[in-house]
Amino acid sequence: MKGTDVATQVDQEKQRVRERAWDLLDAADAVHDAVHGRIPNFKGAERAADRLADLSQWRAAHVIKAVPDKAQLPVRARALVEGKTVFMAVPKLADARPFYLLDPAALTIPPGEAASSKVAASVAPKVGVEALRPVDMVVVGSVAVNRAGVRIGKGAGYSDLEFAFLMEAGLISPETVVVTTVHALQVLDEALPATGHDFGVDLIVTPDEVITCRDPHRPTGLVWEHLDAKKIASIPALAARAPAAGR
């Protein structure tokens, strides 16, 4: 089977898992908003954030890279209240300065407000990679995840790109802790499809449980052969690096 055929098959398998997880959450009334096509805004996200904040890995983290999804809003707010630096990607990385930097010492509004993705976009400066510090913890959303740490996002692929990009920049290291906060129904007891550019998580935090994942997969950096020319051209930070990668 050709590489493109394999990739298509994996994408189709991932989508089947997503649809199943979304349907399960809907049927259980476990989400606040419409769920299909999104990272689920699950009920109990605040309790998951509280459980994460009890962990030694959280207490040791000073710089957190977080996704902008609603489900992770309580985590971002908690981080800012505790004086941690938080940064989030500009939507679709579509800026030469592709990250919003939230420095709690520089905030002029309450941390809980600044943690909102819409508000952050209006109050936080956009910065390039050179302005960021090494990341202690990455917080991501998931549609589904298993106890081995294999996660499936909503399918846009930007979390994987951000992760690989920051790895190549030396800001994510083997010591960086990767966490996903999810509803218990999103934790599946089965093998999940994945490709070489997908990163795994070290910790899964639900409102009622912390799951430690052993040896989750980490890509070594950007997998250029998995990126088409249109995707590279749409992301200035990638387009600037592409010639060095032989593109």
Protein backbone atom coordinates (compact mmCIF):
# COMPACT_ATOMS: atom_id res chain seq x y z
CA MET A 1 0.00 0.00 0.00
CA LYS A 2 1.34 3.44 -0.95
CA GLY A 3 2.14 6.00 1.74
CA THR A 4 -0.72 8.27 0.65
CA ASP A 5 -3.15 5.35 0.80
CA VAL A 6 -1.96 4.46 4.31
CA ALA A 7 -2.35 8.07 5.46
CA THR A 8 -5.87 8.22 4.01
CA GLN A 9 -6.80 4.99 5.76
CA VAL A 10 -5.48 6.29 9.10
CA ASP A 11 -7.41 9.54 8.64
CA GLN A 12 -10.58 7.60 7.97
CA GLU A 13 -10.04 5.43 11.03
CA LYS A 14 -9.45 8.53 13.17
CA GLN A 15 -12.67 10.10 11.90
CA ARG A 16 -14.64 7.00 12.83
CA VAL A 17 -13.23 7.23 16.37
CA ARG A 18 -14.12 10.93 16.54
CA GLU A 19 -17.69 10.34 15.44
CA ARG A 20 -18.08 7.58 18.00
CA ALA A 21 -16.68 9.73 20.81
CA TRP A 22 -18.82 12.74 19.86
CA ASP A 23 -21.96 10.57 19.72
CA LEU A 24 -21.12 9.04 23.10
CA LEU A 25 -20.68 12.43 24.75
CA ASP A 26 -23.88 13.75 23.19
CA ALA A 27 -25.90 10.73 24.31
CA ALA A 28 -24.62 11.11 27.88
CA ASP A 29 -25.30 14.89 27.97
CA ALA A 30 -21.65 15.27 28.97
CA VAL A 31 -20.89 18.50 27.07
CA HIS A 32 -21.94 22.15 27.30
CA ASP A 33 -21.98 22.98 23.58
CA ALA A 34 -22.45 21.34 20.20
CA VAL A 35 -19.67 18.79 20.06
CA HIS A 36 -19.31 17.42 16.52
CA GLY A 37 -16.30 18.85 14.72
CA ARG A 38 -14.85 20.33 17.91
CA ILE A 39 -12.71 19.62 20.93
CA PRO A 40 -15.48 18.74 23.41
CA ASN A 41 -16.31 21.40 25.99
CA PHE A 42 -16.98 18.70 28.54
CA LYS A 43 -18.84 19.04 31.82
CA GLY A 44 -16.46 18.82 34.73
CA ALA A 45 -13.60 20.71 33.06
CA GLU A 46 -13.15 22.82 36.19
CA ARG A 47 -12.76 19.72 38.36
CA ALA A 48 -10.23 18.32 35.88
CA ALA A 49 -8.28 21.58 36.13
CA ASP A 50 -8.35 21.35 39.92
CA ARG A 51 -7.09 17.77 39.78
CA LEU A 52 -4.28 18.78 37.42
CA ALA A 53 -3.32 21.64 39.76
CA ASP A 54 -2.81 19.13 42.59
CA LEU A 55 -0.02 17.34 40.69
CA SER A 56 3.67 17.89 41.39
CA GLN A 57 4.28 18.28 37.63
CA TRP A 58 1.92 21.25 37.59
CA ARG A 59 3.47 22.87 40.64
CA ALA A 60 6.91 22.57 39.03
CA ALA A 61 5.78 24.12 35.73
CA HIS A 62 6.41 27.83 35.14
CA VAL A 63 5.81 28.07 31.36
CA ILE A 64 2.75 26.41 29.84
CA LYS A 65 1.83 26.03 26.19
CA ALA A 66 -1.95 25.65 26.04
CA VAL A 67 -4.59 25.19 23.38
CA PRO A 68 -7.30 27.88 23.12
CA ASP A 69 -10.26 25.50 23.43
CA LYS A 70 -13.08 26.15 25.92
CA ALA A 71 -12.51 22.84 27.73
CA GLN A 72 -9.01 24.00 28.73
CA LEU A 73 -10.08 27.52 29.79
CA PRO A 74 -10.08 26.55 33.51
CA VAL A 75 -6.50 25.29 33.15
CA ARG A 76 -5.32 28.49 31.48
CA ALA A 77 -7.07 30.64 34.09
CA ARG A 78 -5.61 28.60 36.95
CA ALA A 79 -2.14 28.93 35.45
CA LEU A 80 -2.38 32.72 35.20
CA VAL A 81 -3.79 33.08 38.71
CA GLU A 82 -0.81 31.09 40.00
CA GLY A 83 1.66 33.33 38.15
CA LYS A 84 2.57 30.92 35.37
CA THR A 85 3.35 32.20 31.87
CA VAL A 86 0.93 30.89 29.25
CA PHE A 87 1.15 31.02 25.49
CA MET A 88 -1.31 29.96 22.83
CA ALA A 89 -1.03 29.70 19.08
CA VAL A 90 -2.53 32.29 16.79
CA PRO A 91 -5.43 30.58 14.91
CA LYS A 92 -4.02 28.34 12.18
CA LEU A 93 -0.55 29.77 12.95
CA ALA A 94 -1.39 32.33 10.28
CA ASP A 95 0.98 35.07 11.44
CA ALA A 96 4.73 35.62 11.27
CA ARG A 97 4.50 35.96 15.07
CA PRO A 98 2.40 32.85 15.65
CA PHE A 99 1.85 32.88 19.43
CA TYR A 100 -0.06 34.97 21.97
CA LEU A 101 2.02 35.48 25.10
CA LEU A 102 0.17 35.86 28.39
CA ASP A 103 2.51 37.15 31.07
CA PRO A 104 0.61 37.29 34.39
CA ALA A 105 2.85 40.14 35.60
CA ALA A 106 1.80 42.27 32.64
CA LEU A 107 -1.96 41.62 32.67
CA THR A 108 -4.23 44.64 33.06
CA ILE A 109 -7.41 42.54 33.39
CA PRO A 110 -8.31 39.63 35.70
CA PRO A 111 -6.56 36.34 34.81
CA GLY A 112 -9.87 34.53 34.34
CA GLU A 113 -10.80 37.02 31.61
CA ALA A 114 -7.38 37.03 29.96
CA ALA A 115 -7.46 33.22 29.70
CA SER A 116 -10.37 33.37 27.25
CA SER A 117 -9.08 32.84 23.73
CA LYS A 118 -11.09 35.76 22.35
CA VAL A 119 -9.89 38.15 25.05
CA ALA A 120 -6.31 36.92 24.85
CA ALA A 121 -6.30 37.76 21.15
CA SER A 122 -7.09 41.38 22.02
CA VAL A 123 -4.83 41.90 25.06
CA ALA A 124 -1.85 39.58 24.60
CA PRO A 125 1.06 40.50 22.34
CA LYS A 126 1.85 38.28 19.39
CA VAL A 127 5.38 36.95 19.54
CA GLY A 128 7.71 34.78 17.53
CA VAL A 129 9.46 31.69 18.79
CA GLU A 130 12.54 33.71 19.74
CA ALA A 131 10.51 35.50 22.44
CA LEU A 132 9.38 32.29 24.14
CA ARG A 133 10.97 30.43 27.03
CA PRO A 134 11.38 26.64 27.19
CA VAL A 135 8.07 24.91 27.88
CA ASP A 136 7.56 22.98 31.11
CA MET A 137 4.07 21.69 30.30
CA VAL A 138 1.93 21.37 27.18
CA VAL A 139 -1.83 21.25 27.76
CA VAL A 140 -3.93 19.95 24.88
CA GLY A 141 -7.53 19.06 24.22
CA SER A 142 -8.57 15.75 22.69
CA VAL A 143 -11.59 14.17 21.11
CA ALA A 144 -10.43 10.74 22.25
CA VAL A 145 -7.38 9.30 24.02
CA ASN A 146 -6.32 5.90 25.28
CA ARG A 147 -4.35 4.84 28.34
CA ALA A 148 -1.19 4.47 26.27
CA GLY A 149 -1.32 8.21 25.61
CA VAL A 150 -2.40 8.05 21.96
CA ARG A 151 -4.69 11.01 21.36
CA ILE A 152 -6.96 12.05 18.53
CA GLY A 153 -7.75 15.72 18.03
CA LYS A 154 -10.51 17.28 15.97
CA GLY A 155 -8.63 16.68 12.73
CA ALA A 156 -7.18 20.06 11.75
CA GLY A 157 -3.65 18.96 12.64
CA TYR A 158 -2.47 22.26 14.12
CA SER A 159 -1.67 20.89 17.59
CA ASP A 160 0.75 18.40 16.04
CA LEU A 161 2.31 21.13 13.91
CA GLU A 162 2.74 23.46 16.88
CA PHE A 163 4.28 20.68 18.94
CA ALA A 164 6.75 19.66 16.23
CA PHE A 165 7.62 23.27 15.45
CA LEU A 166 8.40 23.99 19.11
CA MET A 167 10.44 20.80 19.36
CA GLU A 168 12.59 21.89 16.42
CA ALA A 169 13.03 25.27 18.10
CA GLY A 170 14.32 23.53 21.22
CA LEU A 171 11.43 24.80 23.38
CA ILE A 172 9.89 21.37 23.97
CA SER A 173 12.25 18.75 25.36
CA PRO A 174 11.92 15.16 26.61
CA GLU A 175 11.38 16.67 30.08
CA THR A 176 8.33 18.68 28.96
CA VAL A 177 5.16 17.14 30.41
CA VAL A 178 2.27 16.75 27.95
CA VAL A 179 -1.22 16.70 29.46
CA THR A 180 -4.74 16.37 28.09
CA THR A 181 -7.84 17.18 30.12
CA VAL A 182 -10.91 15.21 29.05
CA HIS A 183 -14.19 13.68 30.20
CA ALA A 184 -13.94 10.06 31.34
CA LEU A 185 -16.03 9.00 28.32
CA GLN A 186 -13.25 10.27 26.03
CA VAL A 187 -10.78 7.74 27.48
CA LEU A 188 -11.10 4.65 25.30
CA ASP A 189 -9.82 1.20 26.22
CA GLU A 190 -8.65 0.31 22.73
CA ALA A 191 -5.81 0.84 20.30
CA LEU A 192 -6.14 4.12 18.42
CA PRO A 193 -4.81 4.98 14.95
CA ALA A 194 -1.77 7.26 14.78
CA THR A 195 0.94 8.42 12.39
CA GLY A 196 4.58 9.34 12.88
CA HIS A 197 3.81 13.05 13.29
CA ASP A 198 1.24 12.52 16.06
CA PHE A 199 2.48 13.21 19.59
CA GLY A 200 1.26 11.29 22.62
CA VAL A 201 0.48 12.54 26.12
CA ASP A 202 2.18 11.78 29.42
CA LEU A 203 -0.87 12.43 31.58
CA ILE A 204 -4.61 12.17 31.08
CA VAL A 205 -6.62 14.14 33.61
CA THR A 206 -10.38 13.65 33.96
CA PRO A 207 -12.63 15.17 36.64
CA ASP A 208 -12.15 12.00 38.69
CA GLU A 209 -8.85 10.41 37.69
CA VAL A 210 -5.22 10.97 36.69
CA ILE A 211 -3.82 8.42 34.23
CA THR A 212 -0.07 8.18 33.69
CA CYS A 213 0.88 6.99 30.20
CA ARG A 214 4.09 5.04 29.67
CA ASP A 215 6.45 6.00 26.83
CA PRO A 216 4.07 8.09 24.70
CA HIS A 217 5.24 8.74 21.15
CA ARG A 218 7.08 11.97 20.45
CA PRO A 219 8.05 13.05 16.94
CA THR A 220 11.59 14.37 16.57
CA GLY A 221 10.36 17.46 14.78
CA LEU A 222 8.45 18.50 11.69
CA VAL A 223 7.73 15.68 9.24
CA TRP A 224 7.99 17.70 6.05
CA GLU A 225 6.83 14.89 3.79
CA HIS A 226 3.48 14.95 5.61
CA LEU A 227 2.96 18.63 4.74
CA ASP A 228 1.73 19.77 1.36
CA ALA A 229 2.88 22.98 -0.28
CA LYS A 230 -0.43 24.75 0.38
CA LYS A 231 -0.25 24.05 4.12
CA ILE A 232 3.36 25.26 4.31
CA ALA A 233 2.57 28.44 2.37
CA SER A 234 -0.35 29.24 4.71
CA ILE A 235 1.89 29.23 7.81
CA PRO A 236 4.57 31.95 7.64
CA ALA A 237 6.75 30.38 10.35
CA LEU A 238 6.85 27.12 8.40
CA ALA A 239 7.34 28.77 5.03
CA ALA A 240 10.39 30.59 6.41
CA ARG A 241 11.97 27.31 7.48
CA ALA A 242 11.00 25.17 4.49
CA PRO A 243 14.08 25.92 2.28
CA ALA A 244 16.41 24.68 5.03
CA ALA A 245 14.44 21.46 5.05
CA GLY A 246 14.91 21.04 1.35
CA ARG A 247 11.41 22.05 0.34
